[in-house]
Amino acid sequence: MSRWAAVLAGGSGTRFWPLSTPDVPKQLLTLAGEESLLFQSVHRLEGLIDPSRILVLTADRLKAQTAALLPDIPAENILGEPQAASTGPALTWATVHAAQIDPDASVLSLHADWFVGDAAAFRDTASISLDVAQRHDVLVTVGIVPNRPEVGYGYVELGEPLDDHARRVARFTEKPDLENAKRLVDAGALWNSGLFAWTAARFLEETRTLVPEIANSLNLLEQGAVSDFFAQVTPIAVDYSHFERSERVAVVAGEFQWDDVGTWSALGRVRPQDQAGNVLVGDAEQRDAKDCVVWVQDGSVVVDGVESLVVVQANGVTLVTTLERSAHLKELLASLPDKYRFGS
């Protein structure tokens, strides 16, 4: 058995607008350190999976930038999707690719735009998950032990034990309200991180029997007709296509700091703060400000006497919003004139 990784590195570039754009989406930005989130995600696999078996799934338009950031990854392992079709079809492509080289392959699936606070603990948990997937012939999700009730994440409720490391999944709950999030945390549920593991054989069997949206086009992929596959396949997230339909799903708990860095407000969790809880990047100054995120690409920004604001100056645009409303940039951008949609 060989271990493979499928790194999801697409994106539309809306979550961190106006800094992010369709041509420079979140994973290409240095949001959580000196290196891009993509570089950090791939580097985190060092010692667990050989670079020759790391597949990076991205948009065709992003292949060159992605390859430039990852010189250790073979060029043929940068898989450019001809059109977006969500994570189910993308991960099916990666799994077929691995299986055609090694029919006994196991695959670790991860996103390129996460923050992880402990790389060693991440690798340990990923390794356990790959072992569980093979030993019990199941699809595995890693559940993060919560440190707060979070309404922006999905949750995994735990079923009966499989072994010392894994349990069956009782049910998935997607983005509950605050009251239900508190209830789930109190009951021992875990955040559904989106870090997955499976054997290629099990994943493809589940695809054929449970996922007609993909199975009806699978022969195209197996014949190497990638463009035809993406043109014909029905877009669907792997969470729904496989994990919520399969009866062979297990969860492994991960006890490491993890954040999907989904909004500007997340920078308060993944970057250093000053004594008043502000995150200041670039030429930014604050006076009597509290719990603000200020990111300056060009020029200078001063915030004075304000609280819980996001201020971003990038690509010729200045955004001022609240931490709470920063979660809705996609809707904001859709309502603005076309000149604000960089590269679209």
Protein backbone atom coordinates (compact mmCIF):
# COMPACT_ATOMS: atom_id res chain seq x y z
CA MET A 1 0.00 0.00 0.00
CA SER A 2 1.25 3.48 -0.86
CA ARG A 3 0.08 6.68 0.81
CA TRP A 4 -1.07 9.57 -1.33
CA ALA A 5 -2.33 13.07 -0.56
CA ALA A 6 -4.92 15.07 -2.50
CA VAL A 7 -4.60 18.77 -1.69
CA LEU A 8 -7.63 20.87 -2.66
CA ALA A 9 -6.34 24.23 -3.87
CA GLY A 10 -9.06 25.91 -5.93
CA GLY A 11 -11.22 28.86 -4.94
CA SER A 12 -12.97 31.90 -6.34
CA GLY A 13 -11.07 34.55 -4.40
CA THR A 14 -14.02 36.12 -2.58
CA ARG A 15 -13.47 35.29 1.10
CA PHE A 16 -10.58 37.71 1.59
CA TRP A 17 -11.60 40.35 -0.92
CA PRO A 18 -10.23 42.86 -1.80
CA LEU A 19 -6.87 41.19 -1.06
CA SER A 20 -7.89 37.90 -2.67
CA THR A 21 -8.95 37.71 -6.32
CA PRO A 22 -9.90 34.89 -8.72
CA ASP A 23 -6.26 34.79 -9.82
CA VAL A 24 -4.88 35.02 -6.26
CA PRO A 25 -7.32 33.12 -4.02
CA LYS A 26 -6.91 32.51 -0.32
CA GLN A 27 -4.45 29.61 -0.43
CA LEU A 28 -1.91 31.71 -2.36
CA LEU A 29 -1.87 34.44 0.31
CA THR A 30 0.38 34.73 3.37
CA LEU A 31 -2.54 35.07 5.77
CA ALA A 32 -1.11 32.99 8.62
CA GLY A 33 2.64 33.59 8.42
CA GLU A 34 5.49 34.36 6.07
CA GLU A 35 4.62 31.58 3.60
CA SER A 36 1.40 31.04 1.68
CA LEU A 37 -1.26 28.79 3.18
CA LEU A 38 -0.73 26.41 0.24
CA PHE A 39 3.01 26.11 0.86
CA GLN A 40 2.41 25.54 4.57
CA SER A 41 -0.19 22.84 3.86
CA VAL A 42 2.09 20.87 1.55
CA HIS A 43 5.17 21.36 3.73
CA ARG A 44 3.15 19.99 6.67
CA LEU A 45 3.05 16.60 4.90
CA GLU A 46 6.84 16.26 4.97
CA GLY A 47 7.82 12.90 6.45
CA LEU A 48 4.29 11.52 6.06
CA ILE A 49 3.81 11.41 2.27
CA ASP A 50 6.51 11.57 -0.39
CA PRO A 51 6.24 14.60 -2.72
CA SER A 52 5.98 12.23 -5.69
CA ARG A 53 2.61 11.09 -4.32
CA ILE A 54 1.18 14.50 -3.42
CA LEU A 55 -1.49 15.60 -5.90
CA VAL A 56 -2.58 19.24 -5.90
CA LEU A 57 -6.01 19.93 -7.39
CA THR A 58 -6.48 23.46 -8.58
CA ALA A 59 -8.18 25.49 -11.27
CA ASP A 60 -6.53 25.25 -14.66
CA ARG A 61 -5.87 29.00 -14.59
CA LEU A 62 -3.89 28.62 -11.34
CA LYS A 63 -1.59 25.77 -12.38
CA ALA A 64 1.47 27.92 -13.10
CA GLN A 65 1.26 29.90 -9.85
CA THR A 66 0.62 26.75 -7.86
CA ALA A 67 3.58 24.92 -9.40
CA ALA A 68 5.87 27.92 -8.78
CA LEU A 69 5.04 27.84 -5.06
CA LEU A 70 5.68 24.07 -4.83
CA PRO A 71 8.99 23.30 -6.57
CA ASP A 72 9.28 19.89 -4.87
CA ILE A 73 5.99 18.64 -6.33
CA PRO A 74 6.31 17.07 -9.80
CA ALA A 75 4.65 19.19 -12.48
CA GLU A 76 2.44 16.27 -13.54
CA ASN A 77 1.04 16.15 -10.00
CA ILE A 78 -0.51 19.63 -10.32
CA LEU A 79 -3.96 18.70 -11.62
CA GLY A 80 -5.77 21.62 -13.23
CA GLU A 81 -9.55 21.26 -13.27
CA PRO A 82 -10.93 22.53 -16.61
CA GLN A 83 -14.01 23.78 -14.75
CA ALA A 84 -15.13 23.84 -11.14
CA ALA A 85 -17.30 20.89 -10.06
CA SER A 86 -16.90 20.93 -6.25
CA THR A 87 -14.90 18.51 -4.15
CA GLY A 88 -16.62 15.20 -4.96
CA PRO A 89 -15.56 15.06 -8.63
CA ALA A 90 -12.15 16.60 -7.88
CA LEU A 91 -11.32 13.99 -5.26
CA THR A 92 -12.63 11.23 -7.49
CA TRP A 93 -10.13 12.39 -10.13
CA ALA A 94 -7.29 12.33 -7.59
CA THR A 95 -8.30 8.90 -6.33
CA VAL A 96 -8.53 7.42 -9.83
CA HIS A 97 -5.12 8.93 -10.62
CA ALA A 98 -3.56 7.31 -7.55
CA ALA A 99 -5.33 3.98 -8.11
CA GLN A 100 -4.14 3.73 -11.70
CA ILE A 101 -0.56 3.91 -10.45
CA ASP A 102 -1.13 1.78 -7.34
CA PRO A 103 -4.45 -0.08 -6.98
CA ASP A 104 -3.72 -0.48 -3.25
CA ALA A 105 -3.29 3.26 -2.70
CA SER A 106 -4.67 5.09 0.31
CA VAL A 107 -5.51 8.78 -0.02
CA LEU A 108 -5.39 11.61 2.51
CA SER A 109 -7.59 14.54 1.46
CA LEU A 110 -6.93 18.03 2.83
CA HIS A 111 -7.57 21.65 1.96
CA ALA A 112 -4.74 24.00 1.03
CA ASP A 113 -6.07 26.96 3.00
CA TRP A 114 -6.10 25.81 6.63
CA PHE A 115 -4.10 26.97 9.61
CA VAL A 116 -2.69 24.17 11.78
CA GLY A 117 -0.93 25.00 15.03
CA ASP A 118 0.96 21.71 15.55
CA ALA A 119 2.31 20.07 12.39
CA ALA A 120 3.59 16.99 14.23
CA ALA A 121 0.20 16.32 15.84
CA PHE A 122 -1.43 16.84 12.44
CA ARG A 123 0.84 14.22 10.86
CA ASP A 124 0.25 11.77 13.71
CA THR A 125 -3.54 12.11 13.34
CA ALA A 126 -3.34 11.85 9.55
CA SER A 127 -1.25 8.69 9.81
CA ILE A 128 -3.72 7.12 12.24
CA SER A 129 -6.58 8.03 9.90
CA LEU A 130 -4.90 6.35 6.92
CA ASP A 131 -4.30 3.24 9.06
CA VAL A 132 -7.94 3.17 10.22
CA ALA A 133 -9.18 3.57 6.64
CA GLN A 134 -7.18 0.54 5.55
CA ARG A 135 -7.71 -1.66 8.62
CA HIS A 136 -11.49 -1.18 8.83
CA ASP A 137 -12.22 -0.53 5.15
CA VAL A 138 -14.00 2.76 5.93
CA LEU A 139 -14.04 6.39 4.89
CA VAL A 140 -12.45 8.43 7.69
CA THR A 141 -13.06 12.02 8.75
CA VAL A 142 -10.92 13.79 11.32
CA GLY A 143 -12.95 15.56 13.99
CA ILE A 144 -11.26 18.42 15.83
CA VAL A 145 -11.86 18.67 19.56
CA PRO A 146 -13.69 22.04 19.87
CA ASN A 147 -12.49 24.88 22.07
CA ARG A 148 -15.68 26.91 21.57
CA PRO A 149 -19.21 26.53 20.18
CA GLU A 150 -18.72 27.59 16.57
CA VAL A 151 -21.70 28.16 14.27
CA GLY A 152 -19.56 28.31 11.13
CA TYR A 153 -18.40 24.67 11.27
CA GLY A 154 -20.06 21.31 10.77
CA TYR A 155 -20.07 18.77 13.60
CA VAL A 156 -19.56 15.02 13.87
CA GLU A 157 -21.57 13.14 16.49
CA LEU A 158 -19.84 10.00 17.72
CA GLY A 159 -21.10 6.44 17.47
CA GLU A 160 -19.74 3.15 18.75
CA PRO A 161 -15.96 2.55 18.99
CA LEU A 162 -14.15 0.78 16.16
CA ASP A 163 -10.81 0.59 18.00
CA ASP A 164 -8.71 2.72 20.36
CA HIS A 165 -8.45 5.53 17.81
CA ALA A 166 -11.70 5.57 15.85
CA ARG A 167 -15.45 5.52 16.27
CA ARG A 168 -18.32 5.14 13.89
CA VAL A 169 -20.06 8.36 12.88
CA ALA A 170 -23.55 8.65 14.37
CA ARG A 171 -24.50 11.69 12.30
CA PHE A 172 -23.22 14.89 10.74
CA THR A 173 -24.72 18.27 11.66
CA GLU A 174 -23.97 21.17 9.34
CA LYS A 175 -23.45 24.68 10.79
CA PRO A 176 -25.90 24.71 13.71
CA ASP A 177 -27.19 27.83 15.42
CA LEU A 178 -25.44 28.89 18.63
CA GLU A 179 -27.77 27.03 20.99
CA ASN A 180 -27.34 23.76 19.12
CA ALA A 181 -23.60 24.33 18.75
CA LYS A 182 -23.34 24.58 22.54
CA ARG A 183 -25.41 21.43 22.92
CA LEU A 184 -23.21 19.53 20.49
CA VAL A 185 -19.98 20.63 22.19
CA ASP A 186 -21.37 19.65 25.60
CA ALA A 187 -22.34 16.24 24.18
CA GLY A 188 -18.79 15.58 22.96
CA ALA A 189 -19.31 16.19 19.24
CA LEU A 190 -16.29 17.20 17.17
CA TRP A 191 -15.78 19.80 14.47
CA ASN A 192 -15.84 18.19 11.04
CA SER A 193 -12.50 19.44 9.74
CA GLY A 194 -12.65 18.17 6.16
CA LEU A 195 -9.43 16.18 6.68
CA PHE A 196 -10.36 12.80 5.19
CA ALA A 197 -8.73 9.43 4.50
CA TRP A 198 -9.76 6.38 2.47
CA THR A 199 -8.43 3.55 0.41
CA ALA A 200 -8.85 4.11 -3.29
CA ALA A 201 -10.73 0.81 -3.58
CA ARG A 202 -13.31 1.75 -0.92
CA PHE A 203 -13.79 5.30 -2.21
CA LEU A 204 -14.36 4.16 -5.78
CA GLU A 205 -16.72 1.40 -4.68
CA GLU A 206 -18.77 3.91 -2.71
CA THR A 207 -18.71 6.19 -5.75
CA ARG A 208 -20.12 3.49 -8.02
CA THR A 209 -22.85 2.38 -5.64
CA LEU A 210 -23.88 5.60 -3.89
CA VAL A 211 -23.02 8.59 -6.07
CA PRO A 212 -24.80 8.56 -9.45
CA GLU A 213 -23.85 12.23 -9.91
CA ILE A 214 -20.26 11.03 -10.39
CA ALA A 215 -20.61 7.33 -11.22
CA ASN A 216 -22.43 8.08 -14.48
CA SER A 217 -19.29 9.85 -15.75
CA LEU A 218 -16.64 7.73 -14.03
CA ASN A 219 -15.75 5.75 -17.15
CA LEU A 220 -14.62 8.98 -18.84
CA LEU A 221 -12.19 9.65 -16.02
CA GLU A 222 -10.85 6.11 -16.07
CA GLN A 223 -10.27 6.44 -19.83
CA GLY A 224 -8.32 9.68 -19.33
CA ALA A 225 -11.00 11.96 -20.78
CA VAL A 226 -10.70 14.50 -17.97
CA SER A 227 -12.26 17.45 -19.80
CA ASP A 228 -15.24 15.35 -20.85
CA PHE A 229 -15.64 14.10 -17.29
CA PHE A 230 -15.77 17.61 -15.85
CA ALA A 231 -18.11 18.79 -18.58
CA GLN A 232 -20.56 15.98 -17.86
CA VAL A 233 -20.30 15.35 -14.11
CA THR A 234 -22.78 16.84 -11.63
CA PRO A 235 -21.04 19.15 -9.14
CA ILE A 236 -21.35 17.87 -5.56
CA ALA A 237 -19.30 18.20 -2.38
CA VAL A 238 -17.62 15.03 -1.11
CA ASP A 239 -19.23 15.59 2.30
CA TYR A 240 -22.64 14.98 0.73
CA SER A 241 -21.71 12.62 -2.10
CA HIS A 242 -19.80 10.11 0.02
CA PHE A 243 -19.66 10.80 3.74
CA GLU A 244 -23.34 11.49 4.39
CA ARG A 245 -24.50 8.60 2.17
CA SER A 246 -22.07 5.87 3.16
CA GLU A 247 -22.63 3.49 6.05
CA ARG A 248 -18.90 2.86 6.25
CA VAL A 249 -17.74 6.12 7.86
CA ALA A 250 -15.52 6.54 10.91
CA VAL A 251 -14.11 9.51 12.81
CA VAL A 252 -10.68 9.98 14.37
CA ALA A 253 -10.24 12.78 16.90
CA GLY A 254 -7.57 15.40 16.29
CA GLU A 255 -6.26 17.44 19.21
CA PHE A 256 -4.36 20.20 17.46
CA GLN A 257 -5.15 23.83 16.76
CA TRP A 258 -7.02 24.01 13.48
CA ASP A 259 -8.79 26.84 11.70
CA ASP A 260 -10.25 26.95 8.21
CA VAL A 261 -9.33 30.67 8.00
CA GLY A 262 -12.72 31.33 6.48
CA THR A 263 -13.10 35.08 7.07
CA TRP A 264 -11.07 38.15 7.95
CA SER A 265 -12.11 37.68 11.58
CA ALA A 266 -10.13 34.41 11.66
CA LEU A 267 -6.87 36.37 11.56
CA GLY A 268 -7.44 37.19 15.21
CA ARG A 269 -7.02 33.45 15.90
CA VAL A 270 -4.07 32.71 13.62
CA ARG A 271 -1.93 35.87 13.79
CA PRO A 272 -0.32 37.69 16.73
CA GLN A 273 -2.48 40.35 18.37
CA ASP A 274 -1.48 43.49 20.23
CA GLN A 275 -2.59 44.00 23.83
CA ALA A 276 -5.96 45.33 22.69
CA GLY A 277 -6.67 42.32 20.47
CA ASN A 278 -5.87 44.07 17.19
CA VAL A 279 -4.19 42.34 14.23
CA LEU A 280 -2.20 44.89 12.23
CA VAL A 281 -0.47 43.91 8.97
CA GLY A 282 1.44 46.37 6.80
CA ASP A 283 1.75 50.08 7.51
CA ALA A 284 -1.09 50.23 10.04
CA GLU A 285 -1.37 52.14 13.31
CA GLN A 286 -4.07 52.14 15.95
CA ARG A 287 -5.02 54.46 18.78
CA ASP A 288 -7.60 53.31 21.34
CA ALA A 289 -8.84 50.63 18.95
CA LYS A 290 -9.91 47.18 20.11
CA ASP A 291 -10.35 43.77 18.41
CA CYS A 292 -9.77 45.11 14.89
CA VAL A 293 -8.19 43.47 11.85
CA VAL A 294 -6.27 45.92 9.65
CA TRP A 295 -4.44 44.75 6.52
CA VAL A 296 -2.60 47.30 4.40
CA GLN A 297 -1.09 46.35 1.05
CA ASP A 298 -0.16 49.85 -0.11
CA GLY A 299 -0.13 53.19 1.66
CA SER A 300 -0.95 53.65 5.34
CA VAL A 301 -4.04 53.20 7.52
CA VAL A 302 -4.75 54.59 10.98
CA VAL A 303 -7.71 53.42 13.08
CA ASP A 304 -8.75 55.49 16.08
CA GLY A 305 -11.30 54.81 18.79
CA VAL A 306 -13.07 51.97 16.99
CA GLU A 307 -13.88 48.39 17.87
CA SER A 308 -14.42 45.08 16.04
CA LEU A 309 -13.75 46.47 12.57
CA VAL A 310 -12.09 44.97 9.52
CA VAL A 311 -10.16 47.48 7.42
CA VAL A 312 -8.43 46.21 4.28
CA GLN A 313 -6.54 48.29 1.73
CA ALA A 314 -5.54 46.18 -1.29
CA ASN A 315 -5.65 46.24 -5.08
CA GLY A 316 -6.77 49.85 -5.13
CA VAL A 317 -9.82 49.22 -2.92
CA THR A 318 -10.42 50.03 0.74
CA LEU A 319 -12.92 47.84 2.58
CA VAL A 320 -14.33 48.86 5.96
CA THR A 321 -16.74 46.44 7.59
CA THR A 322 -17.37 44.73 10.92
CA LEU A 323 -15.91 41.42 12.06
CA GLU A 324 -19.39 39.93 11.96
CA ARG A 325 -20.23 41.14 8.46
CA SER A 326 -16.86 40.07 7.08
CA ALA A 327 -18.36 36.57 6.80
CA HIS A 328 -20.63 37.81 4.00
CA LEU A 329 -18.15 39.20 1.48
CA LYS A 330 -19.41 36.93 -1.29
CA GLU A 331 -22.85 38.51 -1.06
CA LEU A 332 -21.35 41.99 -0.81
CA LEU A 333 -19.17 41.49 -3.85
CA ALA A 334 -22.08 40.15 -5.90
CA SER A 335 -23.99 43.37 -5.18
CA LEU A 336 -21.19 45.72 -6.27
CA PRO A 337 -20.47 47.07 -9.77
CA ASP A 338 -18.41 44.84 -12.03
CA LYS A 339 -15.24 46.91 -11.61
CA TYR A 340 -14.80 45.45 -8.11
CA ARG A 341 -14.73 41.84 -9.33
CA PHE A 342 -11.04 41.57 -10.12
CA GLY A 343 -10.27 39.17 -12.93
CA SER A 344 -13.87 37.94 -13.25
